[in-house]
Structure formats: structure tokens, C-alpha cells
Amino acid sequence: WDLAGYRTIADTLKINLDAKLLLTASAPQSLAVGSLLYLTSGQLDNSDPDVALTMAAGSMIQRATGTITRAPVFAGLVDLRYTSTAAVVTTGPEVPALAGVLDDFTLSGDQGVALGSALLVGGVCTISGSDLVTGAYTVVLGPAATLVESAGTTVVGAVTASRTVARA
């Protein structure tokens, strides 16, 4: 898709099966996703430096086994959900790198997720369906964040939390 101007997808952009969506532009352009970027399978190639893939505030990235080439621009808080029932998934550039961007994180697929970078959660971190393996990385829970692990599923590795305590 050669972007000739600013474009908006009001609801969902879904990449499925063996599809590959290549975003290009001859000058700086933006493609905004308003609600959901769903990376079922296939690949979203947003590596063109003239293309800014922007996730709207309040939107979600849902990933099964699909991939994205480069981190999107986050216009506010976003949610992230992993739903793979086909293979273990390693997180990629879809994970916001800055604190204060990722609100809720959910792992509901039964194949597991391995961290490819630190996970900075500001809302609810829900682990159900399978384990989250941190490896060399850490799940960092912000001051108001909570961790919910369903029976039989856990974070395997490092979790840190930031809390303000009061004097008694």
C-alpha cells in the first residue's frame, strides 16, 4: 500500500494467513489505526522510514503468530493481547518501549509467550491460558498495576513492582 496522504483505519486492520502488507510512501505519511491491529498470522512490513504506523489512544494490538517489522507510534495508552494457539510467540516491536504507554497486557493463548524486551505494564497484567517466560527481561508493574495469574499459569521469571508506602 503506497500511502499518498494521511490515512485512517477507524476500526480494525487484520493481517491473516500468509498475507504480507507492505506500507510505503514517497514522502512522510501516516496510517492511523483507531481500534485494533490484529496480527493473526502473516506480516505487516512498516519498515519504510517515510511511513508512521500510529496506534490511537485506547486501541489494542492483538497478536497470534503474525509479525510487525517496526514499532508503531503510540498516540496514548494502548492494550496488548497475545492469543496464539499455534506456536510459542516471542514479543517484538509491538511492545511499547516507554513506561506509561502500555495499559493492559493479556496472555490468553495456550502456546505461551516469551519476552523479547522488558514489559512495562501500567494497568492489569493478566496471564491465563499459558505461561509468560521473561528470560533475560523483566515484567515491570507500574504504581497502579496489578498482576493476575490464573490457576496453572504464571510469569516464569522476573517481575518488579513500584509501590508508594506510607509511614504508620
Protein backbone atom coordinates (compact mmCIF):
# COMPACT_ATOMS: atom_id res chain seq x y z
CA TRP A 1 0.00 0.00 0.00
CA ASP A 2 1.69 3.19 -1.23
CA LEU A 3 0.43 5.95 1.05
CA ALA A 4 -0.10 9.19 -0.86
CA GLY A 5 -1.57 11.01 2.13
CA TYR A 6 -2.57 10.63 5.75
CA ARG A 7 -4.86 7.59 6.10
CA THR A 8 -7.04 6.34 8.95
CA ILE A 9 -8.49 2.91 9.60
CA ALA A 10 -11.28 3.72 12.04
CA ASP A 11 -11.74 0.19 13.35
CA THR A 12 -9.58 -2.91 12.64
CA LEU A 13 -6.55 -3.71 10.50
CA LYS A 14 -6.23 -7.51 10.36
CA ILE A 15 -3.32 -9.38 8.78
CA ASN A 16 -4.12 -13.07 8.33
CA LEU A 17 -2.86 -16.32 6.72
CA ASP A 18 0.26 -15.78 4.59
CA ALA A 19 -0.63 -12.18 3.73
CA LYS A 20 2.07 -9.53 3.75
CA LEU A 21 1.06 -5.88 3.93
CA LEU A 22 3.90 -3.65 2.79
CA LEU A 23 3.42 0.04 3.67
CA THR A 24 5.39 2.51 1.54
CA ALA A 25 5.40 6.25 0.85
CA SER A 26 7.49 8.64 -1.26
CA ALA A 27 7.27 11.36 1.44
CA PRO A 28 6.44 11.26 5.17
CA GLN A 29 2.91 9.86 5.68
CA SER A 30 0.94 8.28 8.48
CA LEU A 31 -1.51 5.40 8.74
CA ALA A 32 -3.57 5.57 11.93
CA VAL A 33 -5.33 2.52 13.38
CA GLY A 34 -8.27 3.56 15.52
CA SER A 35 -9.31 0.43 17.36
CA LEU A 36 -7.46 -2.85 16.72
CA LEU A 37 -4.33 -4.04 14.95
CA TYR A 38 -4.84 -7.80 14.71
CA LEU A 39 -1.73 -9.76 13.70
CA THR A 40 -3.33 -13.19 13.37
CA SER A 41 -0.60 -14.52 11.07
CA GLY A 42 1.23 -13.03 8.12
CA GLN A 43 3.41 -9.94 8.24
CA LEU A 44 2.96 -6.19 8.48
CA ASP A 45 6.03 -4.56 6.93
CA ASN A 46 6.15 -0.95 8.09
CA SER A 47 9.92 -0.57 7.70
CA ASP A 48 9.74 2.36 5.23
CA PRO A 49 11.12 5.38 7.15
CA ASP A 50 8.53 7.60 5.41
CA VAL A 51 5.66 5.64 6.97
CA ALA A 52 4.46 6.18 10.53
CA LEU A 53 2.01 3.49 11.65
CA THR A 54 0.13 5.15 14.52
CA MET A 55 -1.96 3.39 17.16
CA ALA A 56 -4.71 5.64 18.53
CA ALA A 57 -5.13 6.20 22.27
CA GLY A 58 -7.29 3.40 23.69
CA SER A 59 -6.52 0.99 20.84
CA MET A 60 -5.27 -2.58 21.09
CA ILE A 61 -2.70 -4.73 19.38
CA GLN A 62 -3.75 -8.37 19.34
CA ARG A 63 -1.14 -10.82 18.15
CA ALA A 64 -1.28 -14.53 17.49
CA THR A 65 1.69 -15.53 15.27
CA GLY A 66 1.69 -12.53 12.91
CA THR A 67 4.61 -10.09 12.95
CA ILE A 68 5.27 -6.40 12.59
CA THR A 69 8.60 -5.06 11.31
CA ARG A 70 8.94 -1.80 13.28
CA ALA A 71 7.38 -0.32 16.40
CA PRO A 72 4.27 1.75 15.80
CA VAL A 73 3.86 5.29 17.07
CA PHE A 74 1.67 5.22 20.18
CA ALA A 75 -0.67 8.23 20.44
CA GLY A 76 -1.67 7.36 24.02
CA LEU A 77 -2.38 4.34 26.21
CA VAL A 78 -2.77 1.03 24.35
CA ASP A 79 -3.56 -2.55 25.31
CA LEU A 80 -1.67 -5.63 24.15
CA ARG A 81 -3.06 -9.17 23.88
CA TYR A 82 -1.42 -12.45 22.81
CA THR A 83 -3.72 -15.23 21.60
CA SER A 84 -1.55 -17.84 19.87
CA THR A 85 -2.92 -21.38 19.76
CA ALA A 86 -0.40 -22.47 17.09
CA ALA A 87 3.11 -21.76 18.42
CA VAL A 88 5.07 -20.06 21.20
CA VAL A 89 5.39 -16.36 20.38
CA THR A 90 8.29 -14.04 21.26
CA THR A 91 7.29 -10.42 21.75
CA GLY A 92 8.57 -7.96 19.19
CA PRO A 93 8.33 -4.27 18.25
CA GLU A 94 4.60 -4.24 19.08
CA VAL A 95 5.55 -3.90 22.77
CA PRO A 96 5.77 -0.23 23.80
CA ALA A 97 9.30 0.56 24.98
CA LEU A 98 8.37 3.51 27.20
CA ALA A 99 6.63 3.44 30.57
CA GLY A 100 3.18 4.99 30.63
CA VAL A 101 2.12 3.63 27.21
CA LEU A 102 1.03 0.03 27.82
CA ASP A 103 -2.13 -0.08 29.90
CA ASP A 104 -3.39 -3.69 29.99
CA PHE A 105 -1.44 -6.79 28.93
CA THR A 106 -3.26 -10.10 28.38
CA LEU A 107 -1.89 -13.52 27.52
CA SER A 108 -4.83 -15.79 26.69
CA GLY A 109 -3.39 -18.15 24.05
CA ASP A 110 -2.43 -21.65 25.11
CA GLN A 111 1.02 -21.75 23.48
CA GLY A 112 2.92 -19.31 25.70
CA VAL A 113 4.80 -16.09 25.19
CA ALA A 114 8.49 -15.33 25.68
CA LEU A 115 9.60 -11.74 26.24
CA GLY A 116 11.86 -10.20 23.61
CA SER A 117 12.14 -6.97 25.67
CA ALA A 118 11.05 -5.60 29.03
CA LEU A 119 7.29 -5.38 29.54
CA LEU A 120 6.21 -2.14 31.26
CA VAL A 121 2.56 -2.52 32.37
CA GLY A 122 0.54 0.33 33.85
CA GLY A 123 -2.85 -1.42 34.23
CA VAL A 124 -3.72 -5.09 34.55
CA CYS A 125 -1.26 -7.82 33.54
CA THR A 126 -3.38 -10.96 33.02
CA ILE A 127 -1.74 -14.35 32.49
CA SER A 128 -4.21 -17.08 31.51
CA GLY A 129 -4.09 -19.97 29.07
CA SER A 130 -0.30 -20.43 29.29
CA ASP A 131 2.86 -19.09 30.93
CA LEU A 132 4.75 -15.87 30.23
CA VAL A 133 8.50 -16.57 30.19
CA THR A 134 10.64 -13.50 30.89
CA GLY A 135 14.09 -14.94 30.10
CA ALA A 136 16.64 -12.12 30.36
CA TYR A 137 13.87 -9.49 30.61
CA THR A 138 11.51 -8.31 33.34
CA VAL A 139 7.81 -7.58 33.71
CA VAL A 140 7.69 -4.14 35.34
CA LEU A 141 4.42 -3.24 37.04
CA GLY A 142 3.77 0.48 37.42
CA PRO A 143 2.45 2.10 40.62
CA ALA A 144 -1.22 1.26 39.90
CA ALA A 145 -0.66 -2.02 38.03
CA THR A 146 -1.86 -5.45 39.11
CA LEU A 147 -0.79 -8.96 38.17
CA VAL A 148 -3.46 -11.64 37.72
CA GLU A 149 -2.28 -15.23 37.19
CA SER A 150 -4.93 -17.86 36.50
CA ALA A 151 -4.64 -21.33 38.04
CA GLY A 152 -1.81 -23.23 36.37
CA THR A 153 -0.41 -20.21 34.51
CA THR A 154 2.29 -17.89 35.80
CA VAL A 155 5.01 -15.45 34.96
CA VAL A 156 8.14 -17.58 34.81
CA GLY A 157 10.97 -15.18 35.61
CA ALA A 158 11.39 -11.66 36.94
CA VAL A 159 8.57 -9.32 37.96
CA THR A 160 9.14 -5.99 39.68
CA ALA A 161 6.57 -3.61 41.10
CA SER A 162 6.77 0.03 42.07
CA ARG A 163 4.68 1.00 45.10
CA THR A 164 4.40 4.03 47.35
CA VAL A 165 4.23 3.11 51.00
CA ALA A 166 3.03 5.33 53.83
CA ARG A 167 4.51 5.61 57.31
CA ALA A 168 2.38 4.11 60.05
